[in-house]
Amino acid sequence: MAAGILLGALVGLVMGLTGAGGGILAVPLLMFGLHLSLPQAAPIGLLAVGIASALGALAGLRLGIVRYRAAMLVAAIGLAVSPLGLWLAHRLDTRILGLAFAAVLLWVAFRNIAAARAGDAMPEPARSAPPCVRDAHSGRFVWTSRCAVRLSLAGGLAGVLSGLLGVGGGFVMVPALQRYTDLAMQSVVRTSLAIIALISLGSVAGAIGNGQLRMDLALPFTLGALGGMLAGGKLASRLPGGYLKMAFGAVCVLVAAGMAVRALA
């Protein structure tokens, strides 16, 4: 139990410091720290990330910066396709899954290191006419087929990765919302957290129904993650964002290397 709480606290600390994408380290830490397989670790990581993301999304709802209708649409698409990822996870060789996870970690590392080198934020594509824009009076998205397709594809990718690798998908949703909407960054992060929470907790419900979630490991890990996230959130404002992104990217590279070695061993 103590090991689970400590590992959860580390994941929560990273989430609090780096934002929505930090939960990607949950599954590797569970695999290395508690010697679980990827399919065993995935629902535990999703539970912790889902609850932590839900708390962040609720705070955003109170501030009125979560586009909850868009979040529900994207999450519904993600949940509809997550069984496909789960189906693949139970049929692919664990070595392939491990290498796929390493590849995702390297992609996340690249984005964060590039963001750190470019400044405190990733260089964004031209935002003169994104597919999803808000009505000037209501603040709600003006839904068009172009907008719906773009966000649905992002939600589908997040859902497949949730079922396949046990990741919430924040590293997919944050850049997607930046690229396809006219939301401010704070709203992007909080809306992404709402999507992650819905997809993650929906996937966890499926895992519970199939008897695939070990509650004796999941509960202490989740409690640790919540405590770590609160601590990380307080520290984040005191540390330079560029250094945090660079450090997180470096950690992702190291963890990716470990996942690759484990998969090939």
C-alpha atoms as a PDB file:
ATOM      1  CA  MET A   1       0.000   0.000   0.000  1.00  0.00           C
ATOM      2  CA  ALA A   2       2.794   2.432   0.903  1.00  0.00           C
ATOM      3  CA  ALA A   3       4.464   1.875  -2.482  1.00  0.00           C
ATOM      4  CA  GLY A   4       1.174   2.539  -4.267  1.00  0.00           C
ATOM      5  CA  ILE A   5       0.625   5.790  -2.374  1.00  0.00           C
ATOM      6  CA  LEU A   6       4.169   6.953  -3.117  1.00  0.00           C
ATOM      7  CA  LEU A   7       3.926   6.124  -6.819  1.00  0.00           C
ATOM      8  CA  GLY A   8       0.537   7.824  -7.023  1.00  0.00           C
ATOM      9  CA  ALA A   9       1.945  10.910  -5.317  1.00  0.00           C
ATOM     10  CA  LEU A  10       4.720  11.084  -7.922  1.00  0.00           C
ATOM     11  CA  VAL A  11       2.199  10.911 -10.768  1.00  0.00           C
ATOM     12  CA  GLY A  12      -0.014  13.514  -9.116  1.00  0.00           C
ATOM     13  CA  LEU A  13       2.959  15.797  -8.546  1.00  0.00           C
ATOM     14  CA  VAL A  14       3.858  15.615 -12.235  1.00  0.00           C
ATOM     15  CA  MET A  15       0.231  16.295 -13.213  1.00  0.00           C
ATOM     16  CA  GLY A  16       0.086  19.301 -10.910  1.00  0.00           C
ATOM     17  CA  LEU A  17       3.347  20.678 -12.269  1.00  0.00           C
ATOM     18  CA  THR A  18       2.872  20.011 -15.959  1.00  0.00           C
ATOM     19  CA  GLY A  19      -0.880  19.892 -16.559  1.00  0.00           C
ATOM     20  CA  ALA A  20      -3.185  17.502 -18.365  1.00  0.00           C
ATOM     21  CA  GLY A  21      -0.534  15.368 -20.076  1.00  0.00           C
ATOM     22  CA  GLY A  22       1.396  14.421 -16.942  1.00  0.00           C
ATOM     23  CA  GLY A  23      -0.771  11.402 -16.252  1.00  0.00           C
ATOM     24  CA  ILE A  24       0.945   9.526 -19.084  1.00  0.00           C
ATOM     25  CA  LEU A  25       3.594   8.478 -16.547  1.00  0.00           C
ATOM     26  CA  ALA A  26       1.062   6.608 -14.389  1.00  0.00           C
ATOM     27  CA  VAL A  27       1.172   3.319 -16.298  1.00  0.00           C
ATOM     28  CA  PRO A  28       5.002   3.120 -16.616  1.00  0.00           C
ATOM     29  CA  LEU A  29       5.462   3.867 -12.906  1.00  0.00           C
ATOM     30  CA  LEU A  30       2.963   1.149 -12.002  1.00  0.00           C
ATOM     31  CA  MET A  31       4.743  -1.297 -14.295  1.00  0.00           C
ATOM     32  CA  PHE A  32       8.218  -0.547 -12.923  1.00  0.00           C
ATOM     33  CA  GLY A  33       7.258   0.104  -9.302  1.00  0.00           C
ATOM     34  CA  LEU A  34       4.660  -2.613  -8.707  1.00  0.00           C
ATOM     35  CA  HIS A  35       5.802  -5.057 -11.424  1.00  0.00           C
ATOM     36  CA  LEU A  36       2.456  -5.046 -13.221  1.00  0.00           C
ATOM     37  CA  SER A  37       1.840  -5.821 -16.859  1.00  0.00           C
ATOM     38  CA  LEU A  38       0.542  -3.023 -19.090  1.00  0.00           C
ATOM     39  CA  PRO A  39      -3.039  -4.419 -19.165  1.00  0.00           C
ATOM     40  CA  GLN A  40      -2.999  -4.666 -15.342  1.00  0.00           C
ATOM     41  CA  ALA A  41      -1.606  -1.166 -14.856  1.00  0.00           C
ATOM     42  CA  ALA A  42      -3.814   0.585 -17.414  1.00  0.00           C
ATOM     43  CA  PRO A  43      -7.145   0.726 -15.495  1.00  0.00           C
ATOM     44  CA  ILE A  44      -5.375   1.710 -12.257  1.00  0.00           C
ATOM     45  CA  GLY A  45      -3.668   4.600 -14.022  1.00  0.00           C
ATOM     46  CA  LEU A  46      -6.925   5.630 -15.672  1.00  0.00           C
ATOM     47  CA  LEU A  47      -8.753   5.728 -12.339  1.00  0.00           C
ATOM     48  CA  ALA A  48      -6.166   8.029 -10.762  1.00  0.00           C
ATOM     49  CA  VAL A  49      -5.904  10.266 -13.825  1.00  0.00           C
ATOM     50  CA  GLY A  50      -9.687  10.359 -14.252  1.00  0.00           C
ATOM     51  CA  ILE A  51     -10.423  11.453 -10.692  1.00  0.00           C
ATOM     52  CA  ALA A  52      -7.578  13.977 -10.651  1.00  0.00           C
ATOM     53  CA  SER A  53      -8.765  15.395 -13.987  1.00  0.00           C
ATOM     54  CA  ALA A  54     -12.343  15.581 -12.733  1.00  0.00           C
ATOM     55  CA  LEU A  55     -11.257  17.782  -9.829  1.00  0.00           C
ATOM     56  CA  GLY A  56      -9.456  20.120 -12.204  1.00  0.00           C
ATOM     57  CA  ALA A  57     -12.457  20.222 -14.532  1.00  0.00           C
ATOM     58  CA  LEU A  58     -14.849  21.019 -11.662  1.00  0.00           C
ATOM     59  CA  ALA A  59     -12.678  23.964 -10.692  1.00  0.00           C
ATOM     60  CA  GLY A  60     -12.876  25.124 -14.317  1.00  0.00           C
ATOM     61  CA  LEU A  61     -16.665  24.751 -14.330  1.00  0.00           C
ATOM     62  CA  ARG A  62     -16.905  27.017 -11.301  1.00  0.00           C
ATOM     63  CA  LEU A  63     -14.856  29.596 -13.205  1.00  0.00           C
ATOM     64  CA  GLY A  64     -17.060  29.184 -16.279  1.00  0.00           C
ATOM     65  CA  ILE A  65     -14.169  28.325 -18.608  1.00  0.00           C
ATOM     66  CA  VAL A  66     -15.045  24.699 -19.454  1.00  0.00           C
ATOM     67  CA  ARG A  67     -16.879  24.230 -22.748  1.00  0.00           C
ATOM     68  CA  TYR A  68     -18.854  21.350 -21.335  1.00  0.00           C
ATOM     69  CA  ARG A  69     -21.021  20.647 -24.381  1.00  0.00           C
ATOM     70  CA  ALA A  70     -17.928  20.205 -26.538  1.00  0.00           C
ATOM     71  CA  ALA A  71     -16.325  18.116 -23.777  1.00  0.00           C
ATOM     72  CA  MET A  72     -19.329  15.791 -23.646  1.00  0.00           C
ATOM     73  CA  LEU A  73     -19.404  15.372 -27.430  1.00  0.00           C
ATOM     74  CA  VAL A  74     -15.685  14.601 -27.683  1.00  0.00           C
ATOM     75  CA  ALA A  75     -15.789  12.277 -24.668  1.00  0.00           C
ATOM     76  CA  ALA A  76     -18.810  10.420 -26.084  1.00  0.00           C
ATOM     77  CA  ILE A  77     -16.847   9.726 -29.277  1.00  0.00           C
ATOM     78  CA  GLY A  78     -13.848   8.641 -27.217  1.00  0.00           C
ATOM     79  CA  LEU A  79     -15.890   6.268 -25.090  1.00  0.00           C
ATOM     80  CA  ALA A  80     -17.572   4.811 -28.163  1.00  0.00           C
ATOM     81  CA  VAL A  81     -14.229   3.797 -29.693  1.00  0.00           C
ATOM     82  CA  SER A  82     -12.273   2.957 -26.531  1.00  0.00           C
ATOM     83  CA  PRO A  83     -13.479  -0.691 -26.668  1.00  0.00           C
ATOM     84  CA  LEU A  84     -11.586  -0.948 -29.954  1.00  0.00           C
ATOM     85  CA  GLY A  85      -8.386   0.000 -28.154  1.00  0.00           C
ATOM     86  CA  LEU A  86      -9.175  -2.471 -25.394  1.00  0.00           C
ATOM     87  CA  TRP A  87      -9.851  -5.184 -27.941  1.00  0.00           C
ATOM     88  CA  LEU A  88      -6.484  -4.515 -29.568  1.00  0.00           C
ATOM     89  CA  ALA A  89      -4.708  -4.448 -26.190  1.00  0.00           C
ATOM     90  CA  HIS A  90      -5.831  -8.006 -25.437  1.00  0.00           C
ATOM     91  CA  ARG A  91      -4.737  -9.290 -28.838  1.00  0.00           C
ATOM     92  CA  LEU A  92      -1.433  -7.548 -29.445  1.00  0.00           C
ATOM     93  CA  ASP A  93       1.821  -8.909 -28.086  1.00  0.00           C
ATOM     94  CA  THR A  94       2.871  -7.132 -24.891  1.00  0.00           C
ATOM     95  CA  ARG A  95       6.183  -6.246 -26.537  1.00  0.00           C
ATOM     96  CA  ILE A  96       4.343  -4.357 -29.260  1.00  0.00           C
ATOM     97  CA  LEU A  97       2.253  -2.540 -26.633  1.00  0.00           C
ATOM     98  CA  GLY A  98       5.380  -1.600 -24.707  1.00  0.00           C
ATOM     99  CA  LEU A  99       7.068  -0.231 -27.827  1.00  0.00           C
ATOM    100  CA  ALA A 100       3.899   1.668 -28.772  1.00  0.00           C
ATOM    101  CA  PHE A 101       3.845   3.248 -25.330  1.00  0.00           C
ATOM    102  CA  ALA A 102       7.526   4.185 -25.681  1.00  0.00           C
ATOM    103  CA  ALA A 103       6.761   5.836 -29.025  1.00  0.00           C
ATOM    104  CA  VAL A 104       3.944   7.880 -27.475  1.00  0.00           C
ATOM    105  CA  LEU A 105       6.243   8.961 -24.646  1.00  0.00           C
ATOM    106  CA  LEU A 106       8.876  10.097 -27.150  1.00  0.00           C
ATOM    107  CA  TRP A 107       6.273  12.133 -29.019  1.00  0.00           C
ATOM    108  CA  VAL A 108       5.176  13.807 -25.774  1.00  0.00           C
ATOM    109  CA  ALA A 109       8.834  14.444 -24.913  1.00  0.00           C
ATOM    110  CA  PHE A 110       9.440  16.047 -28.311  1.00  0.00           C
ATOM    111  CA  ARG A 111       6.474  18.404 -27.917  1.00  0.00           C
ATOM    112  CA  ASN A 112       7.473  19.499 -24.439  1.00  0.00           C
ATOM    113  CA  ILE A 113      11.155  20.006 -25.265  1.00  0.00           C
ATOM    114  CA  ALA A 114      10.205  21.933 -28.408  1.00  0.00           C
ATOM    115  CA  ALA A 115       7.824  24.080 -26.345  1.00  0.00           C
ATOM    116  CA  ALA A 116      10.528  24.778 -23.785  1.00  0.00           C
ATOM    117  CA  ARG A 117      13.020  25.785 -26.467  1.00  0.00           C
ATOM    118  CA  ALA A 118      10.489  28.006 -28.254  1.00  0.00           C
ATOM    119  CA  GLY A 119       9.344  29.752 -25.096  1.00  0.00           C
ATOM    120  CA  ASP A 120       6.726  28.985 -22.496  1.00  0.00           C
ATOM    121  CA  ALA A 121       4.204  27.684 -24.994  1.00  0.00           C
ATOM    122  CA  MET A 122       4.223  25.602 -28.130  1.00  0.00           C
ATOM    123  CA  PRO A 123       4.170  27.686 -31.291  1.00  0.00           C
ATOM    124  CA  GLU A 124       0.561  27.548 -32.399  1.00  0.00           C
ATOM    125  CA  PRO A 125      -0.674  27.278 -35.965  1.00  0.00           C
ATOM    126  CA  ALA A 126      -2.232  30.384 -37.477  1.00  0.00           C
ATOM    127  CA  ARG A 127      -5.454  30.933 -35.545  1.00  0.00           C
ATOM    128  CA  SER A 128      -7.134  33.417 -37.885  1.00  0.00           C
ATOM    129  CA  ALA A 129      -9.937  30.986 -38.749  1.00  0.00           C
ATOM    130  CA  PRO A 130      -9.937  27.790 -36.647  1.00  0.00           C
ATOM    131  CA  PRO A 131     -12.715  25.289 -37.406  1.00  0.00           C
ATOM    132  CA  CYS A 132     -14.427  25.863 -34.046  1.00  0.00           C
ATOM    133  CA  VAL A 133     -15.217  29.452 -33.104  1.00  0.00           C
ATOM    134  CA  ARG A 134     -17.491  30.792 -30.384  1.00  0.00           C
ATOM    135  CA  ASP A 135     -20.535  32.986 -30.772  1.00  0.00           C
ATOM    136  CA  ALA A 136     -19.684  36.525 -29.684  1.00  0.00           C
ATOM    137  CA  HIS A 137     -22.798  36.796 -27.499  1.00  0.00           C
ATOM    138  CA  SER A 138     -23.326  33.339 -25.975  1.00  0.00           C
ATOM    139  CA  GLY A 139     -19.688  32.217 -25.827  1.00  0.00           C
ATOM    140  CA  ARG A 140     -20.735  28.797 -27.174  1.00  0.00           C
ATOM    141  CA  PHE A 141     -19.207  27.108 -30.179  1.00  0.00           C
ATOM    142  CA  VAL A 142     -20.884  27.647 -33.532  1.00  0.00           C
ATOM    143  CA  TRP A 143     -21.097  24.019 -34.597  1.00  0.00           C
ATOM    144  CA  THR A 144     -20.233  23.253 -38.189  1.00  0.00           C
ATOM    145  CA  SER A 145     -19.456  19.932 -39.847  1.00  0.00           C
ATOM    146  CA  ARG A 146     -15.788  20.945 -40.060  1.00  0.00           C
ATOM    147  CA  CYS A 147     -15.654  21.683 -36.349  1.00  0.00           C
ATOM    148  CA  ALA A 148     -17.501  18.500 -35.364  1.00  0.00           C
ATOM    149  CA  VAL A 149     -15.289  16.297 -37.552  1.00  0.00           C
ATOM    150  CA  ARG A 150     -12.030  17.735 -36.201  1.00  0.00           C
ATOM    151  CA  LEU A 151     -13.017  17.390 -32.555  1.00  0.00           C
ATOM    152  CA  SER A 152     -14.552  13.946 -33.127  1.00  0.00           C
ATOM    153  CA  LEU A 153     -11.316  12.670 -34.670  1.00  0.00           C
ATOM    154  CA  ALA A 154      -9.331  13.976 -31.694  1.00  0.00           C
ATOM    155  CA  GLY A 155     -11.784  12.359 -29.285  1.00  0.00           C
ATOM    156  CA  GLY A 156     -11.620   9.091 -31.198  1.00  0.00           C
ATOM    157  CA  LEU A 157      -7.819   9.022 -31.022  1.00  0.00           C
ATOM    158  CA  ALA A 158      -7.915   9.761 -27.294  1.00  0.00           C
ATOM    159  CA  GLY A 159     -10.458   6.976 -26.781  1.00  0.00           C
ATOM    160  CA  VAL A 160      -8.452   4.380 -28.718  1.00  0.00           C
ATOM    161  CA  LEU A 161      -5.298   5.248 -26.764  1.00  0.00           C
ATOM    162  CA  SER A 162      -7.256   5.060 -23.520  1.00  0.00           C
ATOM    163  CA  GLY A 163      -8.342   1.503 -24.238  1.00  0.00           C
ATOM    164  CA  LEU A 164      -5.059   0.441 -25.810  1.00  0.00           C
ATOM    165  CA  LEU A 165      -2.467   1.950 -23.446  1.00  0.00           C
ATOM    166  CA  GLY A 166      -4.433   3.187 -20.434  1.00  0.00           C
ATOM    167  CA  VAL A 167      -3.652   6.876 -20.990  1.00  0.00           C
ATOM    168  CA  GLY A 168      -6.154   9.666 -20.510  1.00  0.00           C
ATOM    169  CA  GLY A 169      -5.273  11.477 -23.716  1.00  0.00           C
ATOM    170  CA  GLY A 170      -4.415  14.937 -22.450  1.00  0.00           C
ATOM    171  CA  PHE A 171      -1.378  15.004 -24.727  1.00  0.00           C
ATOM    172  CA  VAL A 172      -3.825  14.594 -27.637  1.00  0.00           C
ATOM    173  CA  MET A 173      -6.630  16.890 -26.510  1.00  0.00           C
ATOM    174  CA  VAL A 174      -4.618  19.946 -25.466  1.00  0.00           C
ATOM    175  CA  PRO A 175      -2.901  20.438 -28.865  1.00  0.00           C
ATOM    176  CA  ALA A 176      -6.143  19.520 -30.664  1.00  0.00           C
ATOM    177  CA  LEU A 177      -8.135  22.170 -28.794  1.00  0.00           C
ATOM    178  CA  GLN A 178      -5.341  24.675 -29.382  1.00  0.00           C
ATOM    179  CA  ARG A 179      -5.323  23.948 -33.107  1.00  0.00           C
ATOM    180  CA  TYR A 180      -9.049  23.618 -33.799  1.00  0.00           C
ATOM    181  CA  THR A 181     -10.677  26.157 -31.454  1.00  0.00           C
ATOM    182  CA  ASP A 182     -10.381  29.820 -30.502  1.00  0.00           C
ATOM    183  CA  LEU A 183     -10.267  29.047 -26.766  1.00  0.00           C
ATOM    184  CA  ALA A 184      -7.789  30.742 -24.447  1.00  0.00           C
ATOM    185  CA  MET A 185      -5.129  28.427 -23.035  1.00  0.00           C
ATOM    186  CA  GLN A 186      -6.709  28.249 -19.571  1.00  0.00           C
ATOM    187  CA  SER A 187     -10.003  27.164 -21.103  1.00  0.00           C
ATOM    188  CA  VAL A 188      -8.190  24.656 -23.340  1.00  0.00           C
ATOM    189  CA  VAL A 189      -6.592  22.972 -20.331  1.00  0.00           C
ATOM    190  CA  ARG A 190      -9.775  22.851 -18.243  1.00  0.00           C
ATOM    191  CA  THR A 191     -11.903  21.583 -21.133  1.00  0.00           C
ATOM    192  CA  SER A 192      -9.249  18.961 -21.868  1.00  0.00           C
ATOM    193  CA  LEU A 193      -9.385  17.859 -18.228  1.00  0.00           C
ATOM    194  CA  ALA A 194     -13.159  17.409 -18.513  1.00  0.00           C
ATOM    195  CA  ILE A 195     -12.723  15.240 -21.620  1.00  0.00           C
ATOM    196  CA  ILE A 196      -9.974  13.186 -19.970  1.00  0.00           C
ATOM    197  CA  ALA A 197     -12.081  12.660 -16.856  1.00  0.00           C
ATOM    198  CA  LEU A 198     -15.103  11.433 -18.828  1.00  0.00           C
ATOM    199  CA  ILE A 199     -13.106   9.105 -21.081  1.00  0.00           C
ATOM    200  CA  SER A 200     -10.901   7.751 -18.281  1.00  0.00           C
ATOM    201  CA  LEU A 201     -13.692   7.109 -15.778  1.00  0.00           C
ATOM    202  CA  GLY A 202     -15.893   5.593 -18.479  1.00  0.00           C
ATOM    203  CA  SER A 203     -13.073   3.218 -19.404  1.00  0.00           C
ATOM    204  CA  VAL A 204     -12.561   2.387 -15.716  1.00  0.00           C
ATOM    205  CA  ALA A 205     -16.255   1.513 -15.384  1.00  0.00           C
ATOM    206  CA  GLY A 206     -15.816  -0.963 -18.230  1.00  0.00           C
ATOM    207  CA  ALA A 207     -12.730  -2.438 -16.551  1.00  0.00           C
ATOM    208  CA  ILE A 208     -14.623  -2.844 -13.275  1.00  0.00           C
ATOM    209  CA  GLY A 209     -17.455  -4.582 -15.121  1.00  0.00           C
ATOM    210  CA  ASN A 210     -14.957  -6.995 -16.644  1.00  0.00           C
ATOM    211  CA  GLY A 211     -13.202  -7.614 -13.320  1.00  0.00           C
ATOM    212  CA  GLN A 212      -9.941  -6.080 -14.586  1.00  0.00           C
ATOM    213  CA  LEU A 213      -9.376  -3.442 -11.878  1.00  0.00           C
ATOM    214  CA  ARG A 214      -7.435  -4.340  -8.731  1.00  0.00           C
ATOM    215  CA  MET A 215      -8.984  -2.085  -6.109  1.00  0.00           C
ATOM    216  CA  ASP A 216      -6.353  -3.023  -3.504  1.00  0.00           C
ATOM    217  CA  LEU A 217      -3.783  -1.257  -5.693  1.00  0.00           C
ATOM    218  CA  ALA A 218      -6.015   1.338  -7.322  1.00  0.00           C
ATOM    219  CA  LEU A 219      -7.293   3.061  -4.165  1.00  0.00           C
ATOM    220  CA  PRO A 220      -3.923   3.874  -2.520  1.00  0.00           C
ATOM    221  CA  PHE A 221      -2.462   4.889  -5.884  1.00  0.00           C
ATOM    222  CA  THR A 222      -5.389   7.236  -6.531  1.00  0.00           C
ATOM    223  CA  LEU A 223      -5.222   8.787  -3.056  1.00  0.00           C
ATOM    224  CA  GLY A 224      -1.515   9.413  -3.517  1.00  0.00           C
ATOM    225  CA  ALA A 225      -2.149  10.978  -6.931  1.00  0.00           C
ATOM    226  CA  LEU A 226      -4.698  13.409  -5.522  1.00  0.00           C
ATOM    227  CA  GLY A 227      -2.345  14.515  -2.769  1.00  0.00           C
ATOM    228  CA  GLY A 228       0.536  14.877  -5.194  1.00  0.00           C
ATOM    229  CA  MET A 229      -1.546  16.902  -7.634  1.00  0.00           C
ATOM    230  CA  LEU A 230      -2.522  19.402  -4.953  1.00  0.00           C
ATOM    231  CA  ALA A 231       1.121  19.820  -3.970  1.00  0.00           C
ATOM    232  CA  GLY A 232       2.236  20.102  -7.583  1.00  0.00           C
ATOM    233  CA  GLY A 233      -0.396  22.723  -8.343  1.00  0.00           C
ATOM    234  CA  LYS A 234       0.938  24.940  -5.553  1.00  0.00           C
ATOM    235  CA  LEU A 235       4.537  24.517  -6.723  1.00  0.00           C
ATOM    236  CA  ALA A 236       3.832  25.079 -10.414  1.00  0.00           C
ATOM    237  CA  SER A 237       3.264  28.825 -10.069  1.00  0.00           C
ATOM    238  CA  ARG A 238       6.679  29.232  -8.429  1.00  0.00           C
ATOM    239  CA  LEU A 239       8.699  27.447 -11.118  1.00  0.00           C
ATOM    240  CA  PRO A 240       9.492  28.614 -14.668  1.00  0.00           C
ATOM    241  CA  GLY A 241       7.210  26.929 -17.185  1.00  0.00           C
ATOM    242  CA  GLY A 242      10.008  26.379 -19.697  1.00  0.00           C
ATOM    243  CA  TYR A 243      12.130  24.455 -17.195  1.00  0.00           C
ATOM    244  CA  LEU A 244       9.149  22.326 -16.195  1.00  0.00           C
ATOM    245  CA  LYS A 245       8.470  21.386 -19.820  1.00  0.00           C
ATOM    246  CA  MET A 246      12.125  20.592 -20.455  1.00  0.00           C
ATOM    247  CA  ALA A 247      12.350  18.457 -17.304  1.00  0.00           C
ATOM    248  CA  PHE A 248       9.114  16.623 -18.113  1.00  0.00           C
ATOM    249  CA  GLY A 249      10.342  15.960 -21.648  1.00  0.00           C
ATOM    250  CA  ALA A 250      13.619  14.553 -20.325  1.00  0.00           C
ATOM    251  CA  VAL A 251      11.747  12.281 -17.903  1.00  0.00           C
ATOM    252  CA  CYS A 252       9.537  11.030 -20.745  1.00  0.00           C
ATOM    253  CA  VAL A 253      12.633  10.168 -22.805  1.00  0.00           C
ATOM    254  CA  LEU A 254      14.107   8.180 -19.902  1.00  0.00           C
ATOM    255  CA  VAL A 255      10.844   6.355 -19.231  1.00  0.00           C
ATOM    256  CA  ALA A 256      10.438   5.629 -22.961  1.00  0.00           C
ATOM    257  CA  ALA A 257      13.896   4.080 -22.989  1.00  0.00           C
ATOM    258  CA  GLY A 258      12.974   1.928 -19.993  1.00  0.00           C
ATOM    259  CA  MET A 259       9.721   0.826 -21.639  1.00  0.00           C
ATOM    260  CA  ALA A 260      11.566  -0.096 -24.838  1.00  0.00           C
ATOM    261  CA  VAL A 261      14.214  -2.081 -22.964  1.00  0.00           C
ATOM    262  CA  ARG A 262      11.526  -3.892 -20.960  1.00  0.00           C
ATOM    263  CA  ALA A 263       9.567  -4.698 -24.118  1.00  0.00           C
ATOM    264  CA  LEU A 264      12.599  -6.063 -25.949  1.00  0.00           C
ATOM    265  CA  ALA A 265      14.147  -7.923 -23.014  1.00  0.00           C
END
